[in-house]
Amino acid sequence: MDPVTWLLGLGSLLVFGVVVVHLLTALVLIIPTWRVFTRAGFSGALSLFHLVPLIGLFIVMAVLAFSDWPNGEASPGKR
């Protein structure tokens, strides 16, 4: 077997593994983030930004941290 072919096959297997791990991690994060967005008054579909590779998590965190929540934020004394 040609070494170049072997390396290309190994590289494609590695890329496939990274994609699968990314999708599984994103799916685990989507459900709780969906609930946080709906309780804050946003559309739950914003949690689908987790599917964007590399920057999706940062987009979700930025939306929650820096935008005004339509339902208002809880003050430290309220629960």
N, C-alpha and C. Protein backbone atom coordinates (compact mmCIF):
# COMPACT_ATOMS: atom_id res chain seq x y z
N MET A 1 0.85 -1.18 0.00
CA MET A 1 0.00 0.00 0.00
C MET A 1 0.89 1.24 0.00
N ASP A 2 0.52 2.19 -0.78
CA ASP A 2 1.26 3.43 -0.91
C ASP A 2 1.13 4.25 0.38
N PRO A 3 2.22 4.80 0.91
CA PRO A 3 2.14 5.58 2.16
C PRO A 3 1.26 6.82 2.04
N VAL A 4 1.21 7.43 0.87
CA VAL A 4 0.38 8.62 0.70
C VAL A 4 -1.09 8.26 0.83
N THR A 5 -1.48 7.15 0.25
CA THR A 5 -2.87 6.70 0.34
C THR A 5 -3.23 6.40 1.79
N TRP A 6 -2.31 5.78 2.50
CA TRP A 6 -2.55 5.44 3.90
C TRP A 6 -2.72 6.72 4.73
N LEU A 7 -1.88 7.73 4.49
CA LEU A 7 -1.99 8.99 5.23
C LEU A 7 -3.28 9.73 4.90
N LEU A 8 -3.70 9.71 3.64
CA LEU A 8 -4.96 10.36 3.28
C LEU A 8 -6.14 9.66 3.94
N GLY A 9 -6.10 8.35 3.99
CA GLY A 9 -7.17 7.61 4.65
C GLY A 9 -7.22 7.90 6.13
N LEU A 10 -6.05 7.96 6.76
CA LEU A 10 -5.99 8.27 8.19
C LEU A 10 -6.47 9.69 8.46
N GLY A 11 -6.12 10.63 7.57
CA GLY A 11 -6.57 12.02 7.74
C GLY A 11 -8.07 12.16 7.60
N SER A 12 -8.65 11.44 6.64
CA SER A 12 -10.10 11.54 6.47
C SER A 12 -10.82 10.90 7.65
N LEU A 13 -10.25 9.84 8.22
CA LEU A 13 -10.84 9.22 9.41
C LEU A 13 -10.77 10.18 10.59
N LEU A 14 -9.67 10.89 10.71
CA LEU A 14 -9.52 11.87 11.79
C LEU A 14 -10.53 13.01 11.65
N VAL A 15 -10.71 13.51 10.44
CA VAL A 15 -11.68 14.58 10.20
C VAL A 15 -13.09 14.09 10.52
N PHE A 16 -13.41 12.88 10.11
CA PHE A 16 -14.72 12.30 10.42
C PHE A 16 -14.94 12.21 11.93
N GLY A 17 -13.91 11.78 12.65
CA GLY A 17 -14.01 11.68 14.11
C GLY A 17 -14.23 13.03 14.76
N VAL A 18 -13.52 14.06 14.28
CA VAL A 18 -13.69 15.41 14.83
C VAL A 18 -15.10 15.91 14.57
N VAL A 19 -15.64 15.67 13.39
CA VAL A 19 -16.99 16.11 13.06
C VAL A 19 -18.02 15.41 13.94
N VAL A 20 -17.85 14.12 14.15
CA VAL A 20 -18.79 13.37 14.99
C VAL A 20 -18.75 13.87 16.43
N VAL A 21 -17.55 14.09 16.97
CA VAL A 21 -17.43 14.58 18.34
C VAL A 21 -18.04 15.98 18.45
N HIS A 22 -17.82 16.83 17.46
CA HIS A 22 -18.40 18.17 17.48
C HIS A 22 -19.93 18.11 17.48
N LEU A 23 -20.50 17.28 16.62
CA LEU A 23 -21.96 17.18 16.56
C LEU A 23 -22.54 16.63 17.85
N LEU A 24 -21.91 15.63 18.44
CA LEU A 24 -22.41 15.08 19.70
C LEU A 24 -22.34 16.11 20.82
N THR A 25 -21.25 16.85 20.89
CA THR A 25 -21.13 17.89 21.91
C THR A 25 -22.16 18.99 21.69
N ALA A 26 -22.36 19.39 20.45
CA ALA A 26 -23.36 20.43 20.16
C ALA A 26 -24.76 19.97 20.53
N LEU A 27 -25.08 18.72 20.23
CA LEU A 27 -26.41 18.21 20.56
C LEU A 27 -26.63 18.14 22.06
N VAL A 28 -25.59 17.84 22.82
CA VAL A 28 -25.71 17.82 24.28
C VAL A 28 -25.93 19.23 24.82
N LEU A 29 -25.33 20.22 24.19
CA LEU A 29 -25.46 21.60 24.67
C LEU A 29 -26.74 22.29 24.21
N ILE A 30 -27.33 21.84 23.12
CA ILE A 30 -28.49 22.53 22.55
C ILE A 30 -29.69 22.48 23.49
N ILE A 31 -29.97 21.37 24.10
CA ILE A 31 -31.18 21.22 24.92
C ILE A 31 -31.18 22.17 26.12
N PRO A 32 -30.13 22.19 26.96
CA PRO A 32 -30.19 23.15 28.08
C PRO A 32 -30.13 24.61 27.63
N THR A 33 -29.39 24.88 26.57
CA THR A 33 -29.30 26.26 26.09
C THR A 33 -30.64 26.71 25.52
N TRP A 34 -31.37 25.80 24.89
CA TRP A 34 -32.71 26.13 24.37
C TRP A 34 -33.60 26.60 25.52
N ARG A 35 -33.54 25.88 26.65
CA ARG A 35 -34.36 26.24 27.81
C ARG A 35 -33.94 27.59 28.39
N VAL A 36 -32.65 27.85 28.44
CA VAL A 36 -32.17 29.14 28.96
C VAL A 36 -32.66 30.28 28.08
N PHE A 37 -32.56 30.10 26.76
CA PHE A 37 -33.01 31.15 25.84
C PHE A 37 -34.51 31.39 25.98
N THR A 38 -35.31 30.34 26.07
CA THR A 38 -36.76 30.55 26.18
C THR A 38 -37.13 31.19 27.52
N ARG A 39 -36.45 30.84 28.60
CA ARG A 39 -36.75 31.47 29.89
C ARG A 39 -36.32 32.93 29.92
N ALA A 40 -35.29 33.25 29.14
CA ALA A 40 -34.82 34.64 29.07
C ALA A 40 -35.69 35.48 28.14
N GLY A 41 -36.55 34.82 27.34
CA GLY A 41 -37.45 35.54 26.44
C GLY A 41 -36.98 35.56 25.00
N PHE A 42 -35.90 34.87 24.69
CA PHE A 42 -35.41 34.79 23.32
C PHE A 42 -36.00 33.57 22.63
N SER A 43 -35.80 33.50 21.33
CA SER A 43 -36.18 32.30 20.59
C SER A 43 -35.20 31.18 20.95
N GLY A 44 -35.74 30.01 21.22
CA GLY A 44 -34.89 28.88 21.55
C GLY A 44 -33.99 28.44 20.40
N ALA A 45 -34.38 28.81 19.18
CA ALA A 45 -33.59 28.44 18.02
C ALA A 45 -32.20 29.07 18.02
N LEU A 46 -31.98 30.10 18.83
CA LEU A 46 -30.65 30.68 18.93
C LEU A 46 -29.64 29.68 19.46
N SER A 47 -30.12 28.66 20.16
CA SER A 47 -29.19 27.65 20.69
C SER A 47 -28.60 26.80 19.57
N LEU A 48 -29.17 26.86 18.38
CA LEU A 48 -28.62 26.10 17.25
C LEU A 48 -27.29 26.67 16.77
N PHE A 49 -26.90 27.83 17.29
CA PHE A 49 -25.57 28.36 16.97
C PHE A 49 -24.47 27.43 17.48
N HIS A 50 -24.80 26.53 18.40
CA HIS A 50 -23.82 25.54 18.85
C HIS A 50 -23.33 24.67 17.70
N LEU A 51 -24.09 24.57 16.64
CA LEU A 51 -23.69 23.74 15.50
C LEU A 51 -22.63 24.41 14.63
N VAL A 52 -22.40 25.71 14.82
CA VAL A 52 -21.38 26.42 14.05
C VAL A 52 -20.02 26.06 14.65
N PRO A 53 -19.13 25.50 13.84
CA PRO A 53 -17.83 25.08 14.40
C PRO A 53 -16.99 26.26 14.89
N LEU A 54 -16.30 26.04 15.96
CA LEU A 54 -15.32 26.94 16.57
C LEU A 54 -15.91 28.18 17.24
N ILE A 55 -16.85 28.87 16.63
CA ILE A 55 -17.32 30.13 17.23
C ILE A 55 -18.76 30.06 17.72
N GLY A 56 -19.44 28.95 17.52
CA GLY A 56 -20.85 28.86 17.91
C GLY A 56 -21.07 29.06 19.39
N LEU A 57 -20.24 28.45 20.22
CA LEU A 57 -20.37 28.61 21.66
C LEU A 57 -20.16 30.05 22.08
N PHE A 58 -19.21 30.72 21.45
CA PHE A 58 -18.94 32.12 21.78
C PHE A 58 -20.09 33.03 21.36
N ILE A 59 -20.75 32.71 20.25
CA ILE A 59 -21.93 33.48 19.82
C ILE A 59 -23.04 33.35 20.85
N VAL A 60 -23.29 32.13 21.30
CA VAL A 60 -24.34 31.88 22.30
C VAL A 60 -24.03 32.63 23.59
N MET A 61 -22.78 32.54 24.05
CA MET A 61 -22.42 33.23 25.29
C MET A 61 -22.53 34.74 25.14
N ALA A 62 -22.15 35.28 23.97
CA ALA A 62 -22.21 36.72 23.75
C ALA A 62 -23.65 37.21 23.74
N VAL A 63 -24.55 36.45 23.11
CA VAL A 63 -25.97 36.85 23.09
C VAL A 63 -26.52 36.89 24.50
N LEU A 64 -26.21 35.87 25.29
CA LEU A 64 -26.74 35.84 26.66
C LEU A 64 -26.10 36.88 27.56
N ALA A 65 -24.84 37.18 27.34
CA ALA A 65 -24.13 38.09 28.24
C ALA A 65 -24.36 39.56 27.92
N PHE A 66 -24.46 39.90 26.65
CA PHE A 66 -24.43 41.31 26.29
C PHE A 66 -25.73 41.88 25.76
N SER A 67 -26.79 41.10 25.67
CA SER A 67 -28.05 41.65 25.17
C SER A 67 -29.03 41.83 26.33
N ASP A 68 -30.00 42.71 26.11
CA ASP A 68 -31.06 42.89 27.10
C ASP A 68 -32.06 41.75 26.96
N TRP A 69 -32.36 41.11 28.07
CA TRP A 69 -33.28 39.98 28.05
C TRP A 69 -34.71 40.49 27.99
N PRO A 70 -35.52 40.00 27.06
CA PRO A 70 -36.91 40.46 26.96
C PRO A 70 -37.73 40.19 28.23
N ASN A 71 -37.46 39.10 28.93
CA ASN A 71 -38.20 38.80 30.16
C ASN A 71 -37.59 39.46 31.38
N GLY A 72 -36.51 40.18 31.22
CA GLY A 72 -35.85 40.83 32.34
C GLY A 72 -34.90 39.87 33.04
N GLU A 73 -33.96 40.45 33.74
CA GLU A 73 -32.99 39.64 34.48
C GLU A 73 -33.39 39.59 35.94
N ALA A 74 -33.11 38.50 36.59
CA ALA A 74 -33.42 38.37 38.01
C ALA A 74 -32.39 39.17 38.81
N SER A 75 -32.87 39.90 39.77
CA SER A 75 -31.93 40.62 40.64
C SER A 75 -31.36 39.64 41.65
N PRO A 76 -30.23 39.97 42.28
CA PRO A 76 -29.63 39.02 43.21
C PRO A 76 -30.53 38.63 44.37
N GLY A 77 -31.44 39.53 44.77
CA GLY A 77 -32.34 39.22 45.91
C GLY A 77 -33.51 38.35 45.52
N LYS A 78 -33.91 38.33 44.26
CA LYS A 78 -35.07 37.57 43.80
C LYS A 78 -34.67 36.13 43.46
N ARG A 79 -35.62 35.23 43.67
CA ARG A 79 -35.41 33.84 43.25
C ARG A 79 -36.71 33.25 42.82
